[in-house]
Protein backbone atom coordinates (compact mmCIF):
# COMPACT_ATOMS: atom_id res chain seq x y z
CA MET A 1 97.95 104.15 71.95
CA ARG A 2 97.07 105.44 75.41
CA LYS A 3 94.83 108.44 75.86
CA ILE A 4 94.15 110.63 78.90
CA VAL A 5 90.71 112.23 79.07
CA GLN A 6 90.04 115.06 81.50
CA LEU A 7 86.56 115.04 83.02
CA ARG A 8 85.91 118.63 83.95
CA GLY A 9 83.82 119.57 86.96
CA ILE A 10 82.99 122.90 88.53
CA LEU A 11 85.51 122.80 91.39
CA VAL A 12 87.67 119.79 90.62
CA HIS A 13 88.45 117.66 87.59
CA HIS A 14 89.37 114.01 87.35
CA HIS A 15 90.85 111.81 84.66
CA MET A 16 90.33 108.69 82.64
CA LEU A 17 93.18 106.70 81.09
CA ILE A 18 92.16 104.57 78.12
CA ASP A 19 94.50 101.89 76.78
CA ASP A 20 94.28 98.49 75.08
CA SER A 21 93.23 96.83 78.34
CA GLY A 22 90.29 99.15 78.92
CA VAL A 23 89.59 102.19 81.11
CA HIS A 24 91.40 103.27 84.26
CA LEU A 25 89.91 106.00 86.45
CA ILE A 26 92.24 108.43 88.24
CA ASP A 27 90.23 109.87 91.16
CA GLY A 28 86.44 109.79 91.24
CA GLY A 29 85.51 113.44 91.03
CA PHE A 30 83.23 115.36 93.34
CA ILE A 31 79.58 116.32 92.82
CA GLY A 32 78.42 114.92 89.47
CA GLY A 33 81.57 112.86 89.03
CA VAL A 34 79.82 109.53 88.46
CA ARG A 35 77.53 111.08 85.86
CA ARG A 36 80.49 112.62 84.01
CA ILE A 37 82.29 109.28 83.89
CA HIS A 38 79.23 107.43 82.61
CA ARG A 39 78.56 110.08 79.98
CA GLU A 40 82.14 109.82 78.70
CA LEU A 41 81.99 106.03 78.65
CA ARG A 42 78.76 106.05 76.63
CA ARG A 43 80.20 108.64 74.24
CA ARG A 44 82.94 106.12 73.48
CA SER A 45 80.52 103.17 73.26
CA LEU A 46 81.86 101.82 76.56
CA ASP A 47 80.22 100.90 79.85
CA TRP A 48 81.07 100.33 83.50
CA SER A 49 82.27 96.81 82.68
CA ASP A 50 85.08 98.33 80.60
CA VAL A 51 86.63 100.01 83.67
CA ARG A 52 89.61 97.93 84.77
CA SER A 53 90.93 99.90 87.75
CA ILE A 54 90.51 102.97 89.93
CA VAL A 55 93.49 104.83 91.41
CA LEU A 56 93.59 107.77 93.82
CA THR A 57 96.07 110.62 93.95
CA HIS A 58 95.14 111.39 97.57
CA GLY A 59 92.38 111.18 100.13
CA HIS A 60 90.57 114.52 100.11
CA LEU A 61 86.79 114.31 99.80
CA ASP A 62 86.61 116.05 96.41
CA HIS A 63 88.56 113.07 95.02
CA THR A 64 87.14 110.20 97.08
CA LEU A 65 83.44 111.05 97.44
CA ASN A 66 82.31 108.70 94.65
CA ILE A 67 84.84 105.91 95.04
CA ALA A 68 82.67 103.50 97.06
CA ARG A 69 79.87 103.88 94.49
CA LEU A 70 82.26 103.46 91.57
CA GLN A 71 83.62 100.35 93.25
CA LYS A 72 80.14 98.80 93.11
CA LEU A 73 79.42 99.97 89.58
CA THR A 74 82.67 98.71 88.08
CA ASN A 75 83.75 95.86 90.36
CA SER A 76 87.28 97.19 89.80
CA PRO A 77 90.25 97.06 92.17
CA ILE A 78 91.04 100.33 93.92
CA SER A 79 94.58 101.51 94.61
CA ALA A 80 95.49 104.44 96.83
CA PRO A 81 98.56 105.96 98.52
CA LYS A 82 99.29 104.07 101.72
CA GLN A 83 100.13 107.17 103.73
CA ASP A 84 96.68 108.63 102.99
CA ALA A 85 94.82 105.69 104.53
CA GLY A 86 93.54 107.92 107.35
CA HIS A 87 91.98 110.37 104.90
CA ILE A 88 90.43 107.74 102.64
CA LEU A 89 89.00 105.63 105.43
CA GLY A 90 87.24 108.57 107.04
CA GLY A 91 89.91 110.68 108.68
CA ALA A 92 90.60 114.32 107.90
CA SER A 93 93.26 116.93 107.46
CA ARG A 94 94.06 119.73 109.84
CA PHE A 95 92.71 123.19 110.65
CA LEU A 96 90.01 124.54 108.31
CA CYS A 97 90.42 121.60 105.95
CA GLU A 98 89.60 119.20 108.79
CA ALA A 99 86.34 121.01 109.55
CA LEU A 100 85.34 121.13 105.88
CA GLU A 101 86.18 117.45 105.34
CA LYS A 102 84.16 116.36 108.37
CA ALA A 103 81.21 118.50 107.35
CA GLY A 104 81.37 117.23 103.79
CA ARG A 105 81.52 113.60 104.84
CA PHE A 106 78.43 114.10 106.97
CA LEU A 107 76.53 116.13 104.37
CA PHE A 108 77.25 113.76 101.47
CA ARG A 109 77.00 110.59 103.58
CA TYR A 110 80.50 109.54 102.71
CA ARG A 111 81.17 105.81 102.61
CA SER A 112 84.74 104.59 102.77
CA PRO A 113 85.75 102.32 99.89
CA VAL A 114 87.58 99.04 100.31
CA ILE A 115 91.13 99.62 99.12
CA ASP A 116 92.62 96.60 97.34
CA HIS A 117 96.18 97.89 96.97
CA TRP A 118 98.05 100.47 99.04
CA LEU A 119 100.61 102.33 96.93
CA GLU A 120 104.08 103.62 97.72
CA ASP A 121 106.57 105.71 95.78
CA GLY A 122 107.94 103.84 92.76
CA ASP A 123 105.14 101.26 92.55
CA HIS A 124 103.50 100.60 89.22
CA VAL A 125 99.73 100.54 88.85
CA SER A 126 97.43 100.58 85.79
CA GLY A 127 100.45 101.05 83.51
CA MET A 128 101.73 104.10 85.44
CA ARG A 129 104.51 104.71 87.95
CA VAL A 130 103.60 106.18 91.32
CA VAL A 131 105.48 109.41 92.09
CA ALA A 132 105.30 110.58 95.71
CA LEU A 133 104.44 114.31 95.81
CA PRO A 134 103.60 114.84 99.50
CA GLY A 135 102.59 118.04 101.20
CA HIS A 136 99.04 118.66 100.07
CA THR A 137 98.39 115.46 102.02
CA VAL A 138 101.05 113.24 103.53
CA GLY A 139 100.46 110.60 100.86
CA HIS A 140 99.63 112.81 97.87
CA CYS A 141 101.06 111.32 94.69
CA GLY A 142 101.10 111.65 90.94
CA PHE A 143 101.02 109.00 88.23
CA LEU A 144 103.64 109.01 85.50
CA LEU A 145 103.09 107.56 82.05
CA GLU A 146 106.76 106.77 81.54
CA ASN A 147 106.89 106.26 77.77
CA GLU A 148 104.86 109.38 77.07
CA ARG A 149 106.55 111.37 79.91
CA LEU A 150 103.16 112.65 81.05
CA LEU A 151 102.42 113.30 84.72
CA ILE A 152 98.93 113.19 86.19
CA ALA A 153 99.77 115.46 89.10
CA GLY A 154 96.62 115.57 91.24
CA ASP A 155 96.51 118.70 93.40
CA LEU A 156 100.22 119.47 93.10
CA PHE A 157 99.36 123.07 92.20
CA THR A 158 96.44 125.03 90.81
CA GLN A 159 95.72 127.60 88.11
CA HIS A 160 92.19 128.88 87.68
CA LEU A 161 92.48 132.59 86.85
CA ARG A 162 95.87 134.28 86.68
CA GLN A 163 99.11 132.79 87.89
CA PRO A 164 99.75 129.15 88.79
CA SER A 165 100.13 128.73 92.54
CA PRO A 166 100.45 126.03 95.21
CA PRO A 167 97.28 124.84 96.90
CA PRO A 168 96.32 127.27 99.69
CA ALA A 169 98.37 126.50 102.79
CA VAL A 170 95.24 125.94 104.87
CA PHE A 171 94.41 122.93 102.67
CA ASN A 172 97.89 121.40 102.93
CA ASP A 173 99.09 118.96 105.57
CA ASP A 174 102.59 120.45 105.18
CA HIS A 175 102.88 123.55 103.01
CA THR A 176 106.70 123.52 102.98
CA GLU A 177 106.66 119.91 101.80
CA ALA A 178 104.10 120.82 99.13
CA LEU A 179 106.52 123.41 97.72
CA ARG A 180 109.32 120.83 97.70
CA SER A 181 107.08 118.47 95.72
CA ILE A 182 106.39 121.19 93.15
CA ARG A 183 110.13 121.69 92.67
CA LYS A 184 110.66 117.91 92.50
CA ALA A 185 108.09 117.55 89.70
CA ALA A 186 109.54 120.54 87.82
CA GLU A 187 112.92 118.77 87.72
CA MET A 188 111.44 115.66 86.09
CA ASP A 189 111.90 115.02 82.38
CA LEU A 190 108.32 115.60 81.29
CA GLN A 191 106.39 116.36 78.14
CA GLY A 192 103.16 117.37 79.84
CA VAL A 193 101.23 117.72 83.10
CA PHE A 194 97.58 117.10 83.95
CA LEU A 195 96.01 118.74 87.02
CA ASN A 196 92.81 118.44 89.04
CA HIS A 197 92.30 122.13 89.83
CA THR A 198 92.99 124.26 86.79
CA LYS A 199 91.55 126.23 83.93
CA LYS A 200 91.25 124.35 80.67
CA MET A 201 94.71 123.93 79.18
CA THR A 202 96.83 121.45 77.27
CA PRO A 203 99.37 119.14 78.94
CA THR A 204 102.13 121.30 77.44
CA GLU A 205 100.60 124.39 79.03
CA GLY A 206 100.33 122.46 82.29
CA LEU A 207 104.06 121.73 82.17
CA ALA A 208 104.85 125.39 81.51
CA ALA A 209 102.66 126.35 84.48
CA LEU A 210 104.50 123.84 86.68
CA GLN A 211 107.86 125.29 85.72
CA LYS A 212 106.58 128.80 86.35
CA VAL A 213 105.22 128.09 89.82
CA ALA A 214 108.42 126.22 90.74
CA LYS A 215 110.50 129.27 89.81
CA SER A 216 108.22 131.46 91.92
CA TYR A 217 109.01 129.39 95.03
CA PRO A 218 112.77 128.69 94.98
CA PRO A 219 114.41 126.70 97.82
């Protein structure tokens, strides 16, 4: 039986997939992310040695900040979307996002991880299928648990207070493409959706929010 655990932070959340093979980390969180992971492992009588893999939904700093450190702690292979190599290896996005990313990398002394596997749409990694959902970044992707029909959707959209909405355009590499990816995900046969920027809600509520935001931005 596979289980997805959401590790909730102040600005961004990340996820842990637990199955018979061990623990798989989806993104590394932002400030406090390593501590949250370790706390959850200990709560389940697990340790860093139980982590089998680390996968990234995209290359923004609030998802990659801790990856180099987690790589050392777990000695696990890291997989990331190929088209986001520039972000992950120290590049940046555009406009305001570019300035924030550069400042954040300097402030937090960002170290680029060594990526073991570059992912493309349709690949399988850590028991999940890679689903390309570009727009937020050029390589942004989700991870689909095919048997359970659950999508770990990264920053596909957000819902913190009122209505679900796309990520702010200033944080997207291509806002039009981001809207297309929302509609693409809404057309998938899903039972639930997990997000990185959202209020606390169930996967079923996440799916309902996805369908709602997709209807708000028709083609």
